[in-house]
Structure formats: structure tokens, C-alpha cells
């Protein structure tokens, strides 16, 4: 299981990105919301969608949940 976080600052396209705790693109602590530990990015994305409407997985650390 991995720790997951969602960025509180949207990307230019409006996506709030979900990252694993070790991602090199993990936002600063003040700019992210902890989603807890998850087996897959799918459940982390589901939890992030409770907070934000437009959510996407990080291309680098959550590639299986990343959409173009």
C-alpha cells in the first residue's frame, strides 16, 4: 500500500492530480491533501473525487490512472 495525496491547486486544464507520497512531482505540503493509504491509484482517485470534481492520476507515479 502507498500513501496518496491530491494537489489542492489545479493544473492548467482544471485537473487536480493524485500523487503517491514518493513522487518527485508531489506538491508542497501546504498545497496537497492527504488521501491516506491505498492499494491502487483507483481507490485514491475515487476518494479525491469526493473533494474535487475533475481528478486525474499523475503521469509519472499513477500512470494507470492518468488520462490524456
PDB file of N, CA and C in Angstrom:
ATOM      1  N   UNK A   1       0.838  -1.181   0.000  1.00  0.00           N
ATOM      2  CA  UNK A   1       0.000   0.000   0.000  1.00  0.00           C
ATOM      3  C   UNK A   1       0.882   1.242   0.000  1.00  0.00           C
ATOM      4  N   UNK A   2       0.393   2.262  -0.671  1.00  0.00           N
ATOM      5  CA  UNK A   2       1.135   3.521  -0.778  1.00  0.00           C
ATOM      6  C   UNK A   2       0.311   4.670  -0.204  1.00  0.00           C
ATOM      7  N   UNK A   3       1.016   5.695   0.271  1.00  0.00           N
ATOM      8  CA  UNK A   3       0.363   6.937   0.680  1.00  0.00           C
ATOM      9  C   UNK A   3       0.051   7.746  -0.578  1.00  0.00           C
ATOM     10  N   UNK A   4      -1.153   8.313  -0.641  1.00  0.00           N
ATOM     11  CA  UNK A   4      -1.570   9.122  -1.782  1.00  0.00           C
ATOM     12  C   UNK A   4      -1.997  10.504  -1.324  1.00  0.00           C
ATOM     13  N   UNK A   5      -1.806  11.460  -2.224  1.00  0.00           N
ATOM     14  CA  UNK A   5      -2.166  12.855  -1.978  1.00  0.00           C
ATOM     15  C   UNK A   5      -2.795  13.423  -3.241  1.00  0.00           C
ATOM     16  N   UNK A   6      -3.648  14.417  -3.069  1.00  0.00           N
ATOM     17  CA  UNK A   6      -4.195  15.137  -4.210  1.00  0.00           C
ATOM     18  C   UNK A   6      -3.750  16.592  -4.086  1.00  0.00           C
ATOM     19  N   UNK A   7      -3.349  17.156  -5.194  1.00  0.00           N
ATOM     20  CA  UNK A   7      -2.951  18.558  -5.226  1.00  0.00           C
ATOM     21  C   UNK A   7      -4.173  19.436  -4.990  1.00  0.00           C
ATOM     22  N   UNK A   8      -4.020  20.465  -4.211  1.00  0.00           N
ATOM     23  CA  UNK A   8      -5.109  21.426  -3.970  1.00  0.00           C
ATOM     24  C   UNK A   8      -5.096  22.552  -4.995  1.00  0.00           C
ATOM     25  N   UNK A   9      -4.110  22.541  -5.862  1.00  0.00           N
ATOM     26  CA  UNK A   9      -4.007  23.544  -6.926  1.00  0.00           C
ATOM     27  C   UNK A   9      -4.206  22.840  -8.263  1.00  0.00           C
ATOM     28  N   UNK A  10      -5.199  23.255  -9.043  1.00  0.00           N
ATOM     29  CA  UNK A  10      -5.463  22.565 -10.307  1.00  0.00           C
ATOM     30  C   UNK A  10      -4.387  22.838 -11.356  1.00  0.00           C
ATOM     31  N   UNK A  11      -4.259  21.887 -12.273  1.00  0.00           N
ATOM     32  CA  UNK A  11      -3.401  22.063 -13.446  1.00  0.00           C
ATOM     33  C   UNK A  11      -4.079  23.077 -14.376  1.00  0.00           C
ATOM     34  N   UNK A  12      -3.403  23.475 -15.429  1.00  0.00           N
ATOM     35  CA  UNK A  12      -3.954  24.450 -16.381  1.00  0.00           C
ATOM     36  C   UNK A  12      -5.278  23.971 -16.989  1.00  0.00           C
ATOM     37  N   UNK A  13      -5.439  22.655 -17.123  1.00  0.00           N
ATOM     38  CA  UNK A  13      -6.664  22.106 -17.719  1.00  0.00           C
ATOM     39  C   UNK A  13      -7.766  21.864 -16.679  1.00  0.00           C
ATOM     40  N   UNK A  14      -7.515  22.198 -15.419  1.00  0.00           N
ATOM     41  CA  UNK A  14      -8.509  22.051 -14.368  1.00  0.00           C
ATOM     42  C   UNK A  14      -8.411  20.767 -13.562  1.00  0.00           C
ATOM     43  N   UNK A  15      -7.506  19.861 -13.945  1.00  0.00           N
ATOM     44  CA  UNK A  15      -7.324  18.602 -13.215  1.00  0.00           C
ATOM     45  C   UNK A  15      -6.635  18.828 -11.871  1.00  0.00           C
ATOM     46  N   UNK A  16      -7.137  18.119 -10.857  1.00  0.00           N
ATOM     47  CA  UNK A  16      -6.452  18.023  -9.571  1.00  0.00           C
ATOM     48  C   UNK A  16      -5.745  16.679  -9.595  1.00  0.00           C
ATOM     49  N   UNK A  17      -4.425  16.692  -9.543  1.00  0.00           N
ATOM     50  CA  UNK A  17      -3.648  15.465  -9.734  1.00  0.00           C
ATOM     51  C   UNK A  17      -3.436  14.698  -8.436  1.00  0.00           C
ATOM     52  N   UNK A  18      -3.535  13.376  -8.567  1.00  0.00           N
ATOM     53  CA  UNK A  18      -3.286  12.453  -7.456  1.00  0.00           C
ATOM     54  C   UNK A  18      -1.869  11.906  -7.597  1.00  0.00           C
ATOM     55  N   UNK A  19      -1.117  11.948  -6.495  1.00  0.00           N
ATOM     56  CA  UNK A  19       0.280  11.515  -6.472  1.00  0.00           C
ATOM     57  C   UNK A  19       0.516  10.523  -5.350  1.00  0.00           C
ATOM     58  N   UNK A  20       1.479   9.646  -5.554  1.00  0.00           N
ATOM     59  CA  UNK A  20       1.983   8.800  -4.472  1.00  0.00           C
ATOM     60  C   UNK A  20       2.924   9.646  -3.617  1.00  0.00           C
ATOM     61  N   UNK A  21       3.094   9.241  -2.376  1.00  0.00           N
ATOM     62  CA  UNK A  21       3.899  10.003  -1.427  1.00  0.00           C
ATOM     63  C   UNK A  21       5.347  10.174  -1.808  1.00  0.00           C
ATOM     64  N   UNK A  22       5.873   9.313  -2.671  1.00  0.00           N
ATOM     65  CA  UNK A  22       7.291   9.406  -3.061  1.00  0.00           C
ATOM     66  C   UNK A  22       7.501  10.105  -4.413  1.00  0.00           C
ATOM     67  N   UNK A  23       6.449  10.582  -5.035  1.00  0.00           N
ATOM     68  CA  UNK A  23       6.547  11.180  -6.369  1.00  0.00           C
ATOM     69  C   UNK A  23       7.433  12.434  -6.369  1.00  0.00           C
ATOM     70  N   UNK A  24       8.251  12.563  -7.388  1.00  0.00           N
ATOM     71  CA  UNK A  24       9.096  13.752  -7.487  1.00  0.00           C
ATOM     72  C   UNK A  24       8.273  15.001  -7.800  1.00  0.00           C
ATOM     73  N   UNK A  25       7.038  14.827  -8.239  1.00  0.00           N
ATOM     74  CA  UNK A  25       6.154  15.957  -8.541  1.00  0.00           C
ATOM     75  C   UNK A  25       5.102  16.183  -7.448  1.00  0.00           C
ATOM     76  N   UNK A  26       5.273  15.558  -6.296  1.00  0.00           N
ATOM     77  CA  UNK A  26       4.367  15.745  -5.174  1.00  0.00           C
ATOM     78  C   UNK A  26       4.373  17.217  -4.770  1.00  0.00           C
ATOM     79  N   UNK A  27       3.202  17.839  -4.695  1.00  0.00           N
ATOM     80  CA  UNK A  27       3.155  19.257  -4.315  1.00  0.00           C
ATOM     81  C   UNK A  27       3.666  19.481  -2.888  1.00  0.00           C
ATOM     82  N   UNK A  28       4.034  20.721  -2.607  1.00  0.00           N
ATOM     83  CA  UNK A  28       4.459  21.086  -1.253  1.00  0.00           C
ATOM     84  C   UNK A  28       3.344  20.753  -0.272  1.00  0.00           C
ATOM     85  N   UNK A  29       3.704  20.501   0.960  1.00  0.00           N
ATOM     86  CA  UNK A  29       2.745  20.072   1.977  1.00  0.00           C
ATOM     87  C   UNK A  29       1.541  21.012   2.080  1.00  0.00           C
ATOM     88  N   UNK A  30       1.774  22.296   1.942  1.00  0.00           N
ATOM     89  CA  UNK A  30       0.680  23.274   2.055  1.00  0.00           C
ATOM     90  C   UNK A  30      -0.262  23.248   0.853  1.00  0.00           C
ATOM     91  N   UNK A  31       0.161  22.595  -0.240  1.00  0.00           N
ATOM     92  CA  UNK A  31      -0.625  22.565  -1.480  1.00  0.00           C
ATOM     93  C   UNK A  31      -1.176  21.174  -1.805  1.00  0.00           C
ATOM     94  N   UNK A  32      -1.296  20.318  -0.795  1.00  0.00           N
ATOM     95  CA  UNK A  32      -1.808  18.973  -1.050  1.00  0.00           C
ATOM     96  C   UNK A  32      -2.712  18.530   0.092  1.00  0.00           C
ATOM     97  N   UNK A  33      -3.547  17.550  -0.227  1.00  0.00           N
ATOM     98  CA  UNK A  33      -4.481  16.971   0.742  1.00  0.00           C
ATOM     99  C   UNK A  33      -4.194  15.470   0.811  1.00  0.00           C
ATOM    100  N   UNK A  34      -3.993  14.957   2.005  1.00  0.00           N
ATOM    101  CA  UNK A  34      -3.711  13.533   2.190  1.00  0.00           C
ATOM    102  C   UNK A  34      -4.957  12.700   1.910  1.00  0.00           C
ATOM    103  N   UNK A  35      -4.778  11.635   1.139  1.00  0.00           N
ATOM    104  CA  UNK A  35      -5.866  10.712   0.825  1.00  0.00           C
ATOM    105  C   UNK A  35      -5.740   9.400   1.586  1.00  0.00           C
ATOM    106  N   UNK A  36      -4.653   9.234   2.314  1.00  0.00           N
ATOM    107  CA  UNK A  36      -4.434   8.005   3.070  1.00  0.00           C
ATOM    108  C   UNK A  36      -3.706   6.952   2.256  1.00  0.00           C
ATOM    109  N   UNK A  37      -3.698   5.729   2.791  1.00  0.00           N
ATOM    110  CA  UNK A  37      -3.007   4.613   2.149  1.00  0.00           C
ATOM    111  C   UNK A  37      -4.003   3.840   1.286  1.00  0.00           C
ATOM    112  N   UNK A  38      -3.555   3.502   0.086  1.00  0.00           N
ATOM    113  CA  UNK A  38      -4.394   2.771  -0.863  1.00  0.00           C
ATOM    114  C   UNK A  38      -3.569   1.704  -1.562  1.00  0.00           C
ATOM    115  N   UNK A  39      -4.220   0.612  -1.942  1.00  0.00           N
ATOM    116  CA  UNK A  39      -3.558  -0.448  -2.702  1.00  0.00           C
ATOM    117  C   UNK A  39      -3.306  -0.023  -4.138  1.00  0.00           C
ATOM    118  N   UNK A  40      -4.239   0.766  -4.686  1.00  0.00           N
ATOM    119  CA  UNK A  40      -4.106   1.208  -6.074  1.00  0.00           C
ATOM    120  C   UNK A  40      -4.502   2.676  -6.183  1.00  0.00           C
ATOM    121  N   UNK A  41      -4.099   3.271  -7.291  1.00  0.00           N
ATOM    122  CA  UNK A  41      -4.480   4.663  -7.523  1.00  0.00           C
ATOM    123  C   UNK A  41      -5.982   4.787  -7.786  1.00  0.00           C
ATOM    124  N   UNK A  42      -6.621   3.714  -8.202  1.00  0.00           N
ATOM    125  CA  UNK A  42      -8.063   3.760  -8.481  1.00  0.00           C
ATOM    126  C   UNK A  42      -8.864   4.180  -7.244  1.00  0.00           C
ATOM    127  N   UNK A  43      -8.543   3.599  -6.106  1.00  0.00           N
ATOM    128  CA  UNK A  43      -9.284   3.956  -4.895  1.00  0.00           C
ATOM    129  C   UNK A  43      -8.887   5.345  -4.399  1.00  0.00           C
ATOM    130  N   UNK A  44      -7.645   5.745  -4.626  1.00  0.00           N
ATOM    131  CA  UNK A  44      -7.208   7.098  -4.264  1.00  0.00           C
ATOM    132  C   UNK A  44      -7.940   8.130  -5.121  1.00  0.00           C
ATOM    133  N   UNK A  45      -8.095   7.843  -6.407  1.00  0.00           N
ATOM    134  CA  UNK A  45      -8.828   8.740  -7.314  1.00  0.00           C
ATOM    135  C   UNK A  45     -10.278   8.864  -6.844  1.00  0.00           C
ATOM    136  N   UNK A  46     -10.879   7.745  -6.488  1.00  0.00           N
ATOM    137  CA  UNK A  46     -12.272   7.753  -6.029  1.00  0.00           C
ATOM    138  C   UNK A  46     -12.418   8.651  -4.806  1.00  0.00           C
ATOM    139  N   UNK A  47     -11.486   8.545  -3.872  1.00  0.00           N
ATOM    140  CA  UNK A  47     -11.541   9.386  -2.678  1.00  0.00           C
ATOM    141  C   UNK A  47     -11.321  10.855  -3.027  1.00  0.00           C
ATOM    142  N   UNK A  48     -10.381  11.138  -3.935  1.00  0.00           N
ATOM    143  CA  UNK A  48     -10.110  12.520  -4.335  1.00  0.00           C
ATOM    144  C   UNK A  48     -11.334  13.156  -4.999  1.00  0.00           C
ATOM    145  N   UNK A  49     -12.137  12.350  -5.695  1.00  0.00           N
ATOM    146  CA  UNK A  49     -13.334  12.870  -6.367  1.00  0.00           C
ATOM    147  C   UNK A  49     -14.417  13.274  -5.374  1.00  0.00           C
ATOM    148  N   UNK A  50     -14.281  12.877  -4.109  1.00  0.00           N
ATOM    149  CA  UNK A  50     -15.195  13.353  -3.073  1.00  0.00           C
ATOM    150  C   UNK A  50     -14.913  14.809  -2.730  1.00  0.00           C
ATOM    151  N   UNK A  51     -13.690  15.259  -3.026  1.00  0.00           N
ATOM    152  CA  UNK A  51     -13.267  16.634  -2.720  1.00  0.00           C
ATOM    153  C   UNK A  51     -13.273  17.522  -3.967  1.00  0.00           C
ATOM    154  N   UNK A  52     -12.867  16.975  -5.106  1.00  0.00           N
ATOM    155  CA  UNK A  52     -12.769  17.738  -6.349  1.00  0.00           C
ATOM    156  C   UNK A  52     -13.496  17.000  -7.468  1.00  0.00           C
ATOM    157  N   UNK A  53     -14.107  17.755  -8.380  1.00  0.00           N
ATOM    158  CA  UNK A  53     -14.847  17.142  -9.492  1.00  0.00           C
ATOM    159  C   UNK A  53     -13.938  16.577 -10.577  1.00  0.00           C
ATOM    160  N   UNK A  54     -12.889  17.293 -10.906  1.00  0.00           N
ATOM    161  CA  UNK A  54     -12.019  16.917 -12.024  1.00  0.00           C
ATOM    162  C   UNK A  54     -10.676  16.429 -11.493  1.00  0.00           C
ATOM    163  N   UNK A  55     -10.510  15.111 -11.445  1.00  0.00           N
ATOM    164  CA  UNK A  55      -9.322  14.489 -10.848  1.00  0.00           C
ATOM    165  C   UNK A  55      -8.634  13.607 -11.883  1.00  0.00           C
ATOM    166  N   UNK A  56      -7.312  13.567 -11.828  1.00  0.00           N
ATOM    167  CA  UNK A  56      -6.525  12.746 -12.748  1.00  0.00           C
ATOM    168  C   UNK A  56      -5.321  12.195 -11.994  1.00  0.00           C
ATOM    169  N   UNK A  57      -4.854  11.032 -12.389  1.00  0.00           N
ATOM    170  CA  UNK A  57      -3.644  10.464 -11.807  1.00  0.00           C
ATOM    171  C   UNK A  57      -2.404  11.103 -12.417  1.00  0.00           C
ATOM    172  N   UNK A  58      -1.364  11.228 -11.633  1.00  0.00           N
ATOM    173  CA  UNK A  58      -0.089  11.760 -12.115  1.00  0.00           C
ATOM    174  C   UNK A  58       0.483  10.839 -13.198  1.00  0.00           C
ATOM    175  N   UNK A  59       0.957  11.420 -14.266  1.00  0.00           N
ATOM    176  CA  UNK A  59       1.544  10.664 -15.379  1.00  0.00           C
ATOM    177  C   UNK A  59       2.738   9.837 -14.905  1.00  0.00           C
ATOM    178  N   UNK A  60       3.478  10.312 -13.920  1.00  0.00           N
ATOM    179  CA  UNK A  60       4.726   9.683 -13.504  1.00  0.00           C
ATOM    180  C   UNK A  60       4.560   8.634 -12.401  1.00  0.00           C
ATOM    181  N   UNK A  61       3.713   8.882 -11.423  1.00  0.00           N
ATOM    182  CA  UNK A  61       3.614   7.937 -10.302  1.00  0.00           C
ATOM    183  C   UNK A  61       2.299   7.163 -10.272  1.00  0.00           C
ATOM    184  N   UNK A  62       1.305   7.618 -10.998  1.00  0.00           N
ATOM    185  CA  UNK A  62      -0.008   6.955 -11.015  1.00  0.00           C
ATOM    186  C   UNK A  62      -0.472   6.794 -12.461  1.00  0.00           C
ATOM    187  N   UNK A  63       0.443   6.314 -13.271  1.00  0.00           N
ATOM    188  CA  UNK A  63       0.227   6.262 -14.724  1.00  0.00           C
ATOM    189  C   UNK A  63      -1.019   5.463 -15.122  1.00  0.00           C
ATOM    190  N   UNK A  64      -1.339   4.401 -14.393  1.00  0.00           N
ATOM    191  CA  UNK A  64      -2.514   3.605 -14.776  1.00  0.00           C
ATOM    192  C   UNK A  64      -3.820   4.370 -14.561  1.00  0.00           C
ATOM    193  N   UNK A  65      -3.772   5.436 -13.773  1.00  0.00           N
ATOM    194  CA  UNK A  65      -4.959   6.272 -13.537  1.00  0.00           C
ATOM    195  C   UNK A  65      -4.899   7.596 -14.286  1.00  0.00           C
ATOM    196  N   UNK A  66      -3.865   7.781 -15.067  1.00  0.00           N
ATOM    197  CA  UNK A  66      -3.704   9.024 -15.827  1.00  0.00           C
ATOM    198  C   UNK A  66      -4.471   8.939 -17.148  1.00  0.00           C
ATOM    199  N   UNK A  67      -5.240   9.981 -17.429  1.00  0.00           N
ATOM    200  CA  UNK A  67      -5.914  10.074 -18.722  1.00  0.00           C
ATOM    201  C   UNK A  67      -5.413  11.336 -19.424  1.00  0.00           C
ATOM    202  N   UNK A  68      -5.444  11.283 -20.718  1.00  0.00           N
ATOM    203  CA  UNK A  68      -4.958  12.433 -21.510  1.00  0.00           C
ATOM    204  C   UNK A  68      -5.857  13.624 -21.388  1.00  0.00           C
TER     205      UNK A  68
END
